[in-house]
N, C-alpha and C. Protein backbone atom coordinates (compact mmCIF):
# COMPACT_ATOMS: atom_id res chain seq x y z
N MET A 1 0.84 -1.19 0.00
CA MET A 1 0.00 0.00 0.00
C MET A 1 0.88 1.25 0.00
N GLU A 2 0.58 2.17 -0.89
CA GLU A 2 1.39 3.37 -1.02
C GLU A 2 1.17 4.31 0.17
N GLU A 3 2.28 4.94 0.58
CA GLU A 3 2.21 5.84 1.73
C GLU A 3 1.33 7.06 1.42
N LYS A 4 0.63 7.51 2.44
CA LYS A 4 -0.19 8.73 2.35
C LYS A 4 0.59 9.87 2.99
N LEU A 5 0.53 11.02 2.34
CA LEU A 5 1.22 12.20 2.83
C LEU A 5 0.21 13.28 3.18
N GLN A 6 0.52 14.04 4.23
CA GLN A 6 -0.27 15.23 4.55
C GLN A 6 0.07 16.28 3.50
N ILE A 7 -0.93 16.91 2.94
CA ILE A 7 -0.74 17.92 1.91
C ILE A 7 -1.00 19.30 2.51
N TYR A 8 -0.22 20.28 2.03
CA TYR A 8 -0.27 21.64 2.56
C TYR A 8 -0.47 22.64 1.41
N ASP A 9 -0.93 23.83 1.77
CA ASP A 9 -0.92 24.92 0.78
C ASP A 9 0.47 25.55 0.82
N GLU A 10 0.72 26.54 -0.03
CA GLU A 10 2.05 27.12 -0.13
C GLU A 10 2.49 27.87 1.13
N ASN A 11 1.56 28.15 2.04
CA ASN A 11 1.88 28.81 3.31
C ASN A 11 2.03 27.82 4.46
N HIS A 12 2.06 26.52 4.13
CA HIS A 12 2.27 25.44 5.09
C HIS A 12 1.05 25.20 5.99
N ASN A 13 -0.13 25.46 5.45
CA ASN A 13 -1.37 25.13 6.16
C ASN A 13 -1.88 23.79 5.63
N PRO A 14 -2.22 22.84 6.52
CA PRO A 14 -2.70 21.53 6.06
C PRO A 14 -4.02 21.65 5.31
N VAL A 15 -4.12 20.91 4.18
CA VAL A 15 -5.33 20.97 3.35
C VAL A 15 -5.88 19.59 3.01
N GLY A 16 -5.24 18.50 3.44
CA GLY A 16 -5.75 17.17 3.13
C GLY A 16 -4.62 16.16 3.03
N GLU A 17 -4.92 15.02 2.40
CA GLU A 17 -3.95 13.95 2.22
C GLU A 17 -3.95 13.50 0.77
N ALA A 18 -2.83 12.91 0.35
CA ALA A 18 -2.72 12.36 -0.99
C ALA A 18 -1.64 11.29 -0.99
N SER A 19 -1.65 10.45 -2.01
CA SER A 19 -0.59 9.46 -2.13
C SER A 19 0.69 10.16 -2.55
N ARG A 20 1.81 9.50 -2.32
CA ARG A 20 3.11 10.05 -2.73
C ARG A 20 3.14 10.26 -4.25
N THR A 21 2.61 9.30 -4.99
CA THR A 21 2.58 9.41 -6.46
C THR A 21 1.82 10.65 -6.90
N ASP A 22 0.62 10.84 -6.33
CA ASP A 22 -0.19 12.01 -6.68
C ASP A 22 0.51 13.31 -6.29
N ALA A 23 1.14 13.32 -5.12
CA ALA A 23 1.83 14.53 -4.65
C ALA A 23 2.92 14.94 -5.63
N HIS A 24 3.67 13.96 -6.14
CA HIS A 24 4.77 14.26 -7.06
C HIS A 24 4.29 14.55 -8.48
N ARG A 25 3.20 13.93 -8.88
CA ARG A 25 2.67 14.17 -10.22
C ARG A 25 2.00 15.55 -10.32
N GLU A 26 1.29 15.93 -9.23
CA GLU A 26 0.51 17.16 -9.24
C GLU A 26 1.23 18.36 -8.61
N GLY A 27 2.42 18.11 -8.05
CA GLY A 27 3.16 19.21 -7.42
C GLY A 27 2.50 19.70 -6.15
N LEU A 28 2.00 18.77 -5.33
CA LEU A 28 1.34 19.13 -4.08
C LEU A 28 2.40 19.31 -2.99
N TRP A 29 2.25 20.36 -2.20
CA TRP A 29 3.18 20.63 -1.10
C TRP A 29 3.03 19.56 -0.03
N HIS A 30 4.16 18.99 0.42
CA HIS A 30 4.17 17.98 1.47
C HIS A 30 5.46 18.12 2.28
N GLU A 31 5.57 17.38 3.36
CA GLU A 31 6.72 17.51 4.25
C GLU A 31 7.68 16.33 4.09
N VAL A 32 8.98 16.65 4.25
CA VAL A 32 10.04 15.65 4.26
C VAL A 32 11.00 15.99 5.40
N VAL A 33 11.92 15.08 5.64
CA VAL A 33 13.00 15.33 6.60
C VAL A 33 14.34 15.21 5.89
N HIS A 34 15.29 16.04 6.30
CA HIS A 34 16.67 15.98 5.85
C HIS A 34 17.53 15.86 7.10
N CYS A 35 18.33 14.81 7.19
CA CYS A 35 19.20 14.62 8.34
C CYS A 35 20.66 14.66 7.89
N TRP A 36 21.32 15.77 8.20
CA TRP A 36 22.74 15.93 7.91
C TRP A 36 23.52 15.27 9.05
N MET A 37 24.37 14.29 8.72
CA MET A 37 25.16 13.60 9.72
C MET A 37 26.60 14.08 9.63
N VAL A 38 27.16 14.44 10.79
CA VAL A 38 28.51 15.00 10.85
C VAL A 38 29.33 14.31 11.93
N CYS A 39 30.62 14.19 11.66
CA CYS A 39 31.55 13.58 12.62
C CYS A 39 32.83 14.40 12.60
N SER A 40 33.40 14.67 13.78
CA SER A 40 34.67 15.38 13.86
C SER A 40 35.80 14.37 13.94
N LEU A 41 36.66 14.38 12.92
CA LEU A 41 37.81 13.47 12.86
C LEU A 41 39.03 14.25 12.37
N GLY A 42 40.13 14.07 13.05
CA GLY A 42 41.37 14.72 12.62
C GLY A 42 41.28 16.23 12.56
N GLY A 43 40.50 16.82 13.44
CA GLY A 43 40.37 18.27 13.47
C GLY A 43 39.49 18.85 12.38
N ARG A 44 38.77 17.99 11.65
CA ARG A 44 37.89 18.45 10.57
C ARG A 44 36.48 17.93 10.82
N SER A 45 35.52 18.68 10.30
CA SER A 45 34.12 18.22 10.31
C SER A 45 33.86 17.49 9.01
N TRP A 46 33.48 16.22 9.11
CA TRP A 46 33.17 15.39 7.95
C TRP A 46 31.66 15.26 7.84
N ILE A 47 31.15 15.52 6.66
CA ILE A 47 29.72 15.43 6.40
C ILE A 47 29.48 14.17 5.59
N TYR A 48 28.53 13.36 6.06
CA TYR A 48 28.24 12.08 5.39
C TYR A 48 27.09 12.22 4.40
N PHE A 49 27.27 11.55 3.29
CA PHE A 49 26.26 11.51 2.23
C PHE A 49 25.95 10.06 1.88
N GLN A 50 24.72 9.84 1.49
CA GLN A 50 24.36 8.55 0.92
C GLN A 50 24.45 8.67 -0.59
N ARG A 51 24.84 7.58 -1.22
CA ARG A 51 24.70 7.51 -2.68
C ARG A 51 23.44 6.72 -2.93
N ARG A 52 22.48 7.37 -3.55
CA ARG A 52 21.18 6.75 -3.77
C ARG A 52 21.33 5.51 -4.65
N ALA A 53 20.58 4.48 -4.31
CA ALA A 53 20.64 3.23 -5.07
C ALA A 53 20.35 3.49 -6.54
N PHE A 54 21.02 2.75 -7.40
CA PHE A 54 20.80 2.90 -8.84
C PHE A 54 19.41 2.43 -9.25
N SER A 55 18.74 1.68 -8.38
CA SER A 55 17.38 1.20 -8.66
C SER A 55 16.30 2.23 -8.30
N LYS A 56 16.70 3.34 -7.64
CA LYS A 56 15.72 4.36 -7.25
C LYS A 56 15.13 5.03 -8.49
N LYS A 57 13.83 5.32 -8.43
CA LYS A 57 13.15 6.00 -9.54
C LYS A 57 13.63 7.45 -9.67
N ASP A 58 13.78 8.11 -8.54
CA ASP A 58 14.17 9.52 -8.52
C ASP A 58 15.65 9.65 -8.18
N PHE A 59 16.41 10.30 -9.04
CA PHE A 59 17.81 10.64 -8.83
C PHE A 59 18.71 9.45 -8.50
N PRO A 60 18.60 8.36 -9.28
CA PRO A 60 19.42 7.17 -9.01
C PRO A 60 20.91 7.48 -9.12
N GLY A 61 21.68 6.93 -8.16
CA GLY A 61 23.13 7.04 -8.20
C GLY A 61 23.70 8.38 -7.78
N LEU A 62 22.84 9.35 -7.45
CA LEU A 62 23.35 10.65 -7.02
C LEU A 62 23.64 10.64 -5.52
N TYR A 63 24.57 11.49 -5.11
CA TYR A 63 24.88 11.66 -3.69
C TYR A 63 23.85 12.62 -3.09
N ASP A 64 23.37 12.27 -1.91
CA ASP A 64 22.35 13.07 -1.24
C ASP A 64 22.67 13.19 0.23
N ILE A 65 21.98 14.07 0.91
CA ILE A 65 22.10 14.22 2.36
C ILE A 65 22.02 12.82 2.99
N ALA A 66 22.73 12.59 4.09
CA ALA A 66 22.86 11.25 4.68
C ALA A 66 21.54 10.52 4.78
N SER A 67 20.49 11.20 5.21
CA SER A 67 19.18 10.56 5.31
C SER A 67 18.11 11.58 4.95
N THR A 68 17.23 11.17 4.05
CA THR A 68 16.12 12.02 3.64
C THR A 68 14.89 11.15 3.49
N GLY A 69 13.73 11.74 3.58
CA GLY A 69 12.53 10.94 3.34
C GLY A 69 11.26 11.70 3.65
N HIS A 70 10.18 11.10 3.20
CA HIS A 70 8.86 11.70 3.39
C HIS A 70 8.35 11.47 4.81
N ILE A 71 7.56 12.40 5.27
CA ILE A 71 6.87 12.26 6.55
C ILE A 71 5.49 11.71 6.24
N ASP A 72 5.19 10.54 6.77
CA ASP A 72 3.88 9.93 6.54
C ASP A 72 2.78 10.73 7.24
N ALA A 73 1.58 10.69 6.68
CA ALA A 73 0.44 11.35 7.31
C ALA A 73 0.30 10.83 8.74
N GLY A 74 0.17 11.74 9.71
CA GLY A 74 0.03 11.36 11.11
C GLY A 74 1.34 11.16 11.85
N GLU A 75 2.47 11.26 11.16
CA GLU A 75 3.78 11.06 11.77
C GLU A 75 4.41 12.43 12.05
N SER A 76 5.11 12.57 13.17
CA SER A 76 5.81 13.82 13.45
C SER A 76 7.13 13.83 12.67
N HIS A 77 7.69 15.04 12.44
CA HIS A 77 8.96 15.08 11.71
C HIS A 77 10.08 14.48 12.53
N ARG A 78 10.00 14.54 13.84
CA ARG A 78 11.03 13.90 14.70
C ARG A 78 10.96 12.38 14.58
N GLU A 79 9.75 11.83 14.56
CA GLU A 79 9.60 10.38 14.36
C GLU A 79 10.11 9.98 12.98
N ALA A 80 9.81 10.79 11.98
CA ALA A 80 10.21 10.47 10.61
C ALA A 80 11.72 10.50 10.45
N VAL A 81 12.41 11.47 11.05
CA VAL A 81 13.86 11.54 10.89
C VAL A 81 14.52 10.31 11.52
N CYS A 82 14.01 9.84 12.64
CA CYS A 82 14.57 8.64 13.28
C CYS A 82 14.31 7.40 12.44
N ARG A 83 13.09 7.28 11.92
CA ARG A 83 12.73 6.12 11.08
C ARG A 83 13.56 6.10 9.80
N GLU A 84 13.62 7.22 9.11
CA GLU A 84 14.35 7.28 7.84
C GLU A 84 15.84 7.03 8.04
N ALA A 85 16.43 7.58 9.09
CA ALA A 85 17.86 7.37 9.35
C ALA A 85 18.16 5.88 9.53
N PHE A 86 17.31 5.19 10.27
CA PHE A 86 17.55 3.77 10.48
C PHE A 86 17.33 2.97 9.20
N GLU A 87 16.24 3.26 8.47
CA GLU A 87 15.95 2.54 7.23
C GLU A 87 17.04 2.72 6.20
N GLU A 88 17.55 3.93 6.06
CA GLU A 88 18.50 4.22 4.99
C GLU A 88 19.95 3.97 5.36
N THR A 89 20.34 4.28 6.60
CA THR A 89 21.76 4.20 6.97
C THR A 89 22.06 3.16 8.04
N GLY A 90 21.03 2.65 8.71
CA GLY A 90 21.24 1.70 9.80
C GLY A 90 21.60 2.37 11.10
N VAL A 91 21.58 3.69 11.15
CA VAL A 91 21.93 4.44 12.37
C VAL A 91 20.70 4.60 13.24
N SER A 92 20.81 4.15 14.50
CA SER A 92 19.76 4.38 15.49
C SER A 92 20.03 5.74 16.13
N ILE A 93 19.14 6.65 15.91
CA ILE A 93 19.33 8.04 16.37
C ILE A 93 19.22 8.13 17.89
N ASP A 94 20.23 8.74 18.49
CA ASP A 94 20.19 9.14 19.89
C ASP A 94 19.64 10.56 19.88
N THR A 95 18.41 10.74 20.30
CA THR A 95 17.75 12.05 20.16
C THR A 95 18.46 13.16 20.94
N ASN A 96 19.32 12.80 21.90
CA ASN A 96 20.08 13.82 22.62
C ASN A 96 21.15 14.47 21.74
N ARG A 97 21.47 13.83 20.60
CA ARG A 97 22.51 14.35 19.70
C ARG A 97 21.89 14.90 18.41
N LEU A 98 20.58 14.98 18.40
CA LEU A 98 19.84 15.42 17.22
C LEU A 98 19.40 16.87 17.43
N THR A 99 19.73 17.73 16.48
CA THR A 99 19.40 19.15 16.59
C THR A 99 18.51 19.57 15.43
N TYR A 100 17.37 20.16 15.75
CA TYR A 100 16.48 20.68 14.73
C TYR A 100 17.01 22.02 14.26
N LEU A 101 17.21 22.18 12.93
CA LEU A 101 17.80 23.40 12.39
C LEU A 101 16.78 24.34 11.75
N GLY A 102 15.61 23.82 11.39
CA GLY A 102 14.61 24.67 10.77
C GLY A 102 13.96 24.00 9.57
N ILE A 103 13.26 24.81 8.80
CA ILE A 103 12.49 24.30 7.67
C ILE A 103 12.85 25.11 6.41
N VAL A 104 12.94 24.41 5.29
CA VAL A 104 13.18 25.07 4.01
C VAL A 104 12.15 24.60 3.00
N LYS A 105 11.84 25.47 2.05
CA LYS A 105 10.94 25.13 0.94
C LYS A 105 11.78 24.77 -0.27
N GLU A 106 11.43 23.67 -0.92
CA GLU A 106 12.14 23.26 -2.13
C GLU A 106 11.15 22.90 -3.21
N GLU A 107 11.47 23.28 -4.42
CA GLU A 107 10.67 22.90 -5.60
C GLU A 107 11.60 22.33 -6.65
N ILE A 108 11.26 21.15 -7.16
CA ILE A 108 12.03 20.52 -8.22
C ILE A 108 11.04 20.08 -9.29
N ARG A 109 11.34 20.48 -10.53
CA ARG A 109 10.48 20.06 -11.64
C ARG A 109 11.36 19.48 -12.73
N GLU A 110 11.16 18.20 -13.02
CA GLU A 110 11.89 17.52 -14.09
C GLU A 110 10.92 16.59 -14.80
N GLY A 111 10.53 16.95 -16.01
CA GLY A 111 9.59 16.14 -16.77
C GLY A 111 8.27 16.02 -16.04
N ASP A 112 7.81 14.77 -15.81
CA ASP A 112 6.56 14.51 -15.10
C ASP A 112 6.70 14.60 -13.58
N PHE A 113 7.93 14.76 -13.10
CA PHE A 113 8.21 14.81 -11.66
C PHE A 113 8.14 16.26 -11.20
N PHE A 114 7.22 16.55 -10.28
CA PHE A 114 7.02 17.90 -9.77
C PHE A 114 6.97 17.82 -8.25
N ASP A 115 8.08 18.08 -7.62
CA ASP A 115 8.21 17.89 -6.18
C ASP A 115 8.23 19.25 -5.47
N ARG A 116 7.29 19.44 -4.56
CA ARG A 116 7.21 20.66 -3.75
C ARG A 116 7.20 20.23 -2.29
N GLU A 117 8.26 20.62 -1.59
CA GLU A 117 8.46 20.10 -0.24
C GLU A 117 8.74 21.20 0.78
N PHE A 118 8.26 20.93 2.00
CA PHE A 118 8.70 21.64 3.19
C PHE A 118 9.64 20.66 3.89
N ALA A 119 10.94 20.96 3.89
CA ALA A 119 11.92 20.04 4.47
C ALA A 119 12.28 20.47 5.89
N HIS A 120 12.03 19.57 6.83
CA HIS A 120 12.46 19.77 8.22
C HIS A 120 13.91 19.29 8.29
N VAL A 121 14.82 20.20 8.60
CA VAL A 121 16.25 19.93 8.53
C VAL A 121 16.81 19.67 9.93
N TYR A 122 17.56 18.58 10.03
CA TYR A 122 18.19 18.17 11.29
C TYR A 122 19.69 18.01 11.11
N LEU A 123 20.42 18.17 12.20
CA LEU A 123 21.85 17.87 12.26
C LEU A 123 22.02 16.77 13.30
N TYR A 124 22.75 15.72 12.93
CA TYR A 124 23.02 14.62 13.85
C TYR A 124 24.52 14.46 13.99
N GLU A 125 25.02 14.57 15.22
CA GLU A 125 26.45 14.45 15.48
C GLU A 125 26.79 13.03 15.89
N LEU A 126 27.69 12.43 15.10
CA LEU A 126 28.12 11.05 15.32
C LEU A 126 29.50 11.03 15.96
N ASP A 127 29.81 9.92 16.65
CA ASP A 127 31.20 9.69 17.05
C ASP A 127 31.82 8.98 15.85
N ILE A 128 32.20 7.75 15.99
CA ILE A 128 32.68 6.99 14.84
C ILE A 128 31.47 6.30 14.25
N PRO A 129 31.11 6.66 13.03
CA PRO A 129 29.86 6.15 12.47
C PRO A 129 29.90 4.67 12.13
N GLY A 130 28.81 4.00 12.43
CA GLY A 130 28.63 2.61 12.05
C GLY A 130 27.43 2.51 11.14
N PHE A 131 27.66 2.62 9.86
CA PHE A 131 26.56 2.60 8.90
C PHE A 131 26.28 1.17 8.44
N ALA A 132 25.02 0.90 8.22
CA ALA A 132 24.56 -0.36 7.61
C ALA A 132 23.48 0.03 6.61
N PRO A 133 23.89 0.52 5.43
CA PRO A 133 22.92 1.06 4.47
C PRO A 133 21.84 0.06 4.08
N GLY A 134 20.61 0.58 3.96
CA GLY A 134 19.48 -0.21 3.52
C GLY A 134 19.44 -0.32 2.00
N GLU A 135 18.37 -0.91 1.49
CA GLU A 135 18.27 -1.18 0.06
C GLU A 135 18.16 0.07 -0.80
N GLU A 136 17.79 1.20 -0.21
CA GLU A 136 17.66 2.44 -0.98
C GLU A 136 18.99 3.18 -1.14
N VAL A 137 20.05 2.66 -0.49
CA VAL A 137 21.34 3.34 -0.47
C VAL A 137 22.42 2.42 -1.06
N GLU A 138 23.14 2.95 -2.02
CA GLU A 138 24.23 2.21 -2.67
C GLU A 138 25.44 2.14 -1.75
N GLU A 139 25.83 3.31 -1.20
CA GLU A 139 26.98 3.39 -0.31
C GLU A 139 26.95 4.73 0.43
N MET A 140 27.81 4.84 1.43
CA MET A 140 27.96 6.10 2.17
C MET A 140 29.34 6.66 1.85
N ALA A 141 29.44 8.00 1.91
CA ALA A 141 30.71 8.68 1.67
C ALA A 141 30.78 9.90 2.57
N ALA A 142 32.00 10.38 2.79
CA ALA A 142 32.21 11.54 3.66
C ALA A 142 33.02 12.60 2.93
N PHE A 143 32.64 13.86 3.16
CA PHE A 143 33.33 15.00 2.56
C PHE A 143 33.60 16.02 3.65
N PRO A 144 34.80 16.62 3.66
CA PRO A 144 35.06 17.67 4.65
C PRO A 144 34.17 18.88 4.39
N ALA A 145 33.78 19.54 5.46
CA ALA A 145 32.89 20.70 5.34
C ALA A 145 33.44 21.73 4.37
N GLU A 146 34.77 21.89 4.32
CA GLU A 146 35.37 22.88 3.43
C GLU A 146 35.03 22.62 1.97
N GLU A 147 34.90 21.36 1.59
CA GLU A 147 34.55 21.02 0.22
C GLU A 147 33.11 21.45 -0.09
N LEU A 148 32.23 21.29 0.89
CA LEU A 148 30.83 21.68 0.69
C LEU A 148 30.67 23.19 0.62
N ILE A 149 31.51 23.90 1.34
CA ILE A 149 31.50 25.36 1.25
C ILE A 149 31.83 25.78 -0.17
N LYS A 150 32.84 25.16 -0.76
CA LYS A 150 33.22 25.45 -2.15
C LYS A 150 32.06 25.16 -3.09
N MET A 151 31.39 24.02 -2.86
CA MET A 151 30.30 23.64 -3.76
C MET A 151 29.16 24.64 -3.67
N ASP A 152 28.77 25.04 -2.46
CA ASP A 152 27.67 25.99 -2.29
C ASP A 152 28.02 27.36 -2.87
N SER A 153 29.30 27.71 -2.86
CA SER A 153 29.70 29.02 -3.38
C SER A 153 29.83 29.00 -4.90
N GLY A 154 29.80 27.82 -5.49
CA GLY A 154 29.93 27.71 -6.94
C GLY A 154 31.37 27.73 -7.41
N LYS A 155 32.33 27.69 -6.48
CA LYS A 155 33.75 27.76 -6.84
C LYS A 155 34.34 26.41 -7.25
N GLU A 156 33.70 25.34 -6.87
CA GLU A 156 34.31 24.02 -7.08
C GLU A 156 33.38 23.13 -7.88
N VAL A 157 33.92 22.47 -8.87
CA VAL A 157 33.12 21.53 -9.64
C VAL A 157 33.45 20.08 -9.28
N LEU A 158 34.56 19.88 -8.56
CA LEU A 158 34.97 18.54 -8.15
C LEU A 158 35.20 18.55 -6.64
N LEU A 159 34.47 17.69 -5.92
CA LEU A 159 34.60 17.62 -4.47
C LEU A 159 35.41 16.39 -4.09
N HIS A 160 36.31 16.58 -3.13
CA HIS A 160 37.18 15.50 -2.70
C HIS A 160 36.75 15.01 -1.33
N GLY A 161 36.56 13.71 -1.21
CA GLY A 161 36.15 13.09 0.04
C GLY A 161 36.70 11.68 0.12
N MET A 162 35.98 10.81 0.83
CA MET A 162 36.43 9.43 0.95
C MET A 162 35.23 8.51 1.16
N ASP A 163 35.43 7.25 0.76
CA ASP A 163 34.40 6.26 1.06
C ASP A 163 34.64 5.77 2.48
N LEU A 164 33.81 4.86 2.96
CA LEU A 164 33.91 4.43 4.36
C LEU A 164 35.13 3.56 4.64
N SER A 165 35.81 3.10 3.59
CA SER A 165 37.06 2.34 3.77
C SER A 165 38.27 3.27 3.77
N GLY A 166 38.04 4.57 3.59
CA GLY A 166 39.13 5.53 3.59
C GLY A 166 39.73 5.77 2.22
N ASN A 167 39.13 5.20 1.18
CA ASN A 167 39.62 5.41 -0.17
C ASN A 167 39.18 6.79 -0.67
N PRO A 168 40.08 7.51 -1.34
CA PRO A 168 39.72 8.85 -1.81
C PRO A 168 38.65 8.82 -2.90
N LEU A 169 37.81 9.85 -2.88
CA LEU A 169 36.77 10.03 -3.89
C LEU A 169 36.90 11.43 -4.47
N ALA A 170 36.59 11.55 -5.75
CA ALA A 170 36.47 12.85 -6.39
C ALA A 170 35.14 12.82 -7.13
N VAL A 171 34.20 13.66 -6.68
CA VAL A 171 32.82 13.62 -7.18
C VAL A 171 32.46 14.97 -7.77
N ARG A 172 31.93 14.96 -8.98
CA ARG A 172 31.51 16.21 -9.63
C ARG A 172 30.26 16.77 -8.96
N ARG A 173 30.14 18.09 -8.95
CA ARG A 173 28.99 18.77 -8.33
C ARG A 173 27.68 18.23 -8.87
N GLU A 174 27.61 17.95 -10.16
CA GLU A 174 26.36 17.48 -10.76
C GLU A 174 25.98 16.06 -10.35
N GLU A 175 26.86 15.38 -9.60
CA GLU A 175 26.54 14.05 -9.08
C GLU A 175 25.87 14.13 -7.70
N PHE A 176 25.60 15.34 -7.23
CA PHE A 176 24.92 15.55 -5.95
C PHE A 176 23.49 16.01 -6.21
N CYS A 177 22.57 15.56 -5.36
CA CYS A 177 21.22 16.11 -5.38
C CYS A 177 21.32 17.58 -4.98
N ASN A 178 20.47 18.39 -5.56
CA ASN A 178 20.55 19.82 -5.36
C ASN A 178 19.64 20.27 -4.22
N HIS A 179 20.25 20.82 -3.18
CA HIS A 179 19.53 21.44 -2.07
C HIS A 179 20.16 22.81 -1.86
N PRO A 180 19.87 23.75 -2.74
CA PRO A 180 20.60 25.02 -2.79
C PRO A 180 20.62 25.79 -1.47
N GLY A 181 21.85 26.06 -1.02
CA GLY A 181 22.04 26.91 0.15
C GLY A 181 21.73 26.29 1.50
N GLU A 182 21.16 25.09 1.53
CA GLU A 182 20.76 24.49 2.81
C GLU A 182 21.96 24.26 3.73
N PHE A 183 23.06 23.75 3.17
CA PHE A 183 24.24 23.50 3.98
C PHE A 183 24.77 24.81 4.56
N THR A 184 24.96 25.80 3.72
CA THR A 184 25.55 27.07 4.16
C THR A 184 24.65 27.81 5.14
N ALA A 185 23.35 27.82 4.89
CA ALA A 185 22.43 28.60 5.74
C ALA A 185 22.14 27.93 7.07
N LEU A 186 21.96 26.61 7.08
CA LEU A 186 21.51 25.94 8.29
C LEU A 186 22.55 25.07 8.99
N VAL A 187 23.35 24.34 8.22
CA VAL A 187 24.28 23.38 8.83
C VAL A 187 25.60 24.04 9.22
N LEU A 188 26.21 24.74 8.31
CA LEU A 188 27.53 25.34 8.54
C LEU A 188 27.60 26.18 9.82
N PRO A 189 26.61 27.02 10.13
CA PRO A 189 26.72 27.82 11.37
C PRO A 189 26.80 26.98 12.64
N ARG A 190 26.40 25.70 12.58
CA ARG A 190 26.44 24.83 13.76
C ARG A 190 27.73 24.05 13.88
N LEU A 191 28.61 24.14 12.87
CA LEU A 191 29.87 23.40 12.90
C LEU A 191 30.97 24.26 13.48
N ASN A 192 31.93 23.63 14.13
CA ASN A 192 33.04 24.36 14.74
C ASN A 192 34.22 24.45 13.77
N ILE A 193 34.02 25.27 12.71
CA ILE A 193 35.11 25.49 11.77
C ILE A 193 35.21 26.98 11.50
N CYS A 194 36.37 27.39 11.02
CA CYS A 194 36.58 28.82 10.73
C CYS A 194 36.25 29.11 9.29
């Protein structure tokens, strides 16, 4: 059975429910969660990304925020962020380390896909991460915060990071899902970097 989503007007007032398919086909406003996972290692803040499974209908194989997902009708955004983090990354969220950063509006239109979201954004601070990616995730990767600053500023087209085995990665900007300005506006001010 397809998940039902709470639908909102453009001012974030609830107006009803719809299926996920209908929400994306008709461009109906709905809520999602974004969970940015960060770990301090070697004096640097490392930001973790999931690489979306190649079998995903939307944005297959692209790097995305560590955990993202829809909020089911009747579910709180805090419940959703914990559920999605476990389903996608295998991380059981310790709510004492989870910080709510705010909400952003996003609109994406590509062909028949029309996504209009209110994203509840969270920051989760990890010690040494133990990921066990679910079926929706190909792999996890980490990038230093400085690389993301370059990407958000438009100065860098190639980001340097590492996979979970410590092997170096070089990923083009266009291989990332686009969440314009979210890192710089909401996440970066909470990190201890200059």
